[in-house]
Amino acid sequence: ESRLHGLWEAVRREPGHDWSIESLARHLNVSRATVHRLVTHQHGSTPRTIVDRIRMDHAARLLAHGDLPVKAVAAQVGYATPYSFSAAFRRSRGCPPSTFRAQQAPSD
């Protein structure tokens, strides 16, 4: 659905924004239940899962192609602490952010 495409583009533009279910609903001008229904129907996942995936994809790009400290990456993708970000990144990618970054470095 095109409404959801626009929503996900907004999340990609501002991954650090508070993308709560209420915020997603306001963005679409629909109820929280409608957001949940639309997203689950189209993606087979919850809105939170999709937002988290977008955030982790953005974080992975920042870690692989930049030298920002993990704390700064965490803030850019909406995590209040580097600890909560690191735990979420590990669940998403199977390793901590620092290990992921080291694995992305070109070998000599």
Protein backbone atom coordinates (compact mmCIF):
# COMPACT_ATOMS: atom_id res chain seq x y z
CA GLU A 1 0.00 0.00 0.00
CA SER A 2 1.35 3.43 -0.98
CA ARG A 3 0.50 4.95 2.42
CA LEU A 4 2.82 2.50 4.10
CA HIS A 5 5.56 3.11 1.54
CA GLY A 6 5.46 6.81 2.44
CA LEU A 7 5.51 5.94 6.14
CA TRP A 8 8.59 3.73 5.78
CA GLU A 9 10.33 6.45 3.77
CA ALA A 10 9.66 8.86 6.64
CA VAL A 11 11.15 6.36 9.11
CA ARG A 12 14.21 5.96 6.86
CA ARG A 13 14.66 9.75 6.69
CA GLU A 14 14.43 10.12 10.48
CA PRO A 15 15.31 6.79 12.11
CA GLY A 16 16.00 8.52 15.43
CA HIS A 17 12.48 9.94 15.70
CA ASP A 18 10.13 8.45 18.32
CA TRP A 19 8.30 6.05 15.99
CA SER A 20 5.81 4.76 18.54
CA ILE A 21 2.58 3.20 17.29
CA GLU A 22 0.90 6.52 18.16
CA SER A 23 3.41 8.44 16.06
CA LEU A 24 2.98 6.05 13.14
CA ALA A 25 -0.80 6.41 13.40
CA ARG A 26 -0.56 10.23 13.46
CA HIS A 27 1.69 10.14 10.40
CA LEU A 28 -0.93 8.13 8.50
CA ASN A 29 -3.87 9.94 10.11
CA VAL A 30 -5.43 6.63 11.19
CA SER A 31 -5.98 4.79 14.45
CA ARG A 32 -3.33 2.69 16.17
CA ALA A 33 -5.38 -0.43 15.41
CA THR A 34 -5.50 0.48 11.72
CA VAL A 35 -1.72 0.93 11.58
CA HIS A 36 -1.25 -2.45 13.19
CA ARG A 37 -3.74 -4.10 10.84
CA LEU A 38 -2.28 -2.51 7.68
CA VAL A 39 1.32 -3.32 8.56
CA THR A 40 0.58 -6.85 9.71
CA HIS A 41 -1.49 -7.53 6.59
CA GLN A 42 1.12 -6.16 4.17
CA HIS A 43 4.33 -7.26 5.89
CA GLY A 44 3.36 -10.12 8.17
CA SER A 45 5.17 -8.30 10.98
CA THR A 46 4.30 -5.74 13.62
CA PRO A 47 4.95 -2.04 13.08
CA ARG A 48 7.65 -2.16 15.81
CA THR A 49 9.44 -4.98 13.96
CA ILE A 50 9.54 -2.99 10.72
CA VAL A 51 10.72 0.20 12.48
CA ASP A 52 13.43 -1.77 14.30
CA ARG A 53 14.56 -3.39 11.03
CA ILE A 54 14.85 0.01 9.33
CA ARG A 55 16.80 1.38 12.30
CA MET A 56 19.18 -1.58 12.38
CA ASP A 57 19.75 -1.38 8.61
CA HIS A 58 20.64 2.31 9.00
CA ALA A 59 22.89 1.56 11.98
CA ALA A 60 24.66 -1.18 10.02
CA ARG A 61 25.38 1.27 7.18
CA LEU A 62 26.71 3.86 9.65
CA LEU A 63 28.94 1.30 11.33
CA ALA A 64 30.23 -0.17 8.08
CA HIS A 65 30.90 3.09 6.26
CA GLY A 66 31.75 5.59 8.95
CA ASP A 67 33.71 6.14 12.08
CA LEU A 68 31.04 7.48 14.41
CA PRO A 69 31.31 6.12 17.94
CA VAL A 70 28.71 3.48 18.79
CA LYS A 71 27.10 5.95 21.20
CA ALA A 72 26.51 8.40 18.32
CA VAL A 73 25.15 5.67 16.06
CA ALA A 74 22.79 4.62 18.85
CA ALA A 75 21.47 8.18 19.20
CA GLN A 76 21.03 8.59 15.43
CA VAL A 77 18.81 5.52 15.24
CA GLY A 78 16.69 6.35 18.27
CA TYR A 79 18.24 4.55 21.22
CA ALA A 80 18.63 6.40 24.51
CA THR A 81 21.69 4.42 25.58
CA PRO A 82 24.46 2.61 23.75
CA TYR A 83 23.70 -0.42 25.94
CA SER A 84 20.12 -0.79 24.71
CA PHE A 85 21.29 -0.19 21.15
CA SER A 86 24.06 -2.76 21.46
CA ALA A 87 21.62 -5.39 22.76
CA ALA A 88 19.15 -4.66 19.95
CA PHE A 89 21.91 -4.71 17.33
CA ARG A 90 23.19 -8.04 18.64
CA ARG A 91 19.67 -9.53 18.41
CA SER A 92 19.33 -8.17 14.88
CA ARG A 93 22.79 -8.94 13.45
CA GLY A 94 24.10 -11.68 15.72
CA CYS A 95 27.06 -9.70 17.01
CA PRO A 96 27.75 -6.45 18.87
CA PRO A 97 28.16 -3.24 16.87
CA SER A 98 31.94 -3.11 17.44
CA THR A 99 32.39 -6.64 16.10
CA PHE A 100 30.16 -5.88 13.12
CA ARG A 101 32.24 -2.79 12.34
CA ALA A 102 35.50 -4.75 12.58
CA GLN A 103 34.11 -7.42 10.23
CA GLN A 104 33.25 -4.74 7.66
CA ALA A 105 36.73 -3.24 7.59
CA PRO A 106 38.65 -4.02 4.41
CA SER A 107 41.35 -6.61 4.95
CA ASP A 108 44.93 -5.67 4.12
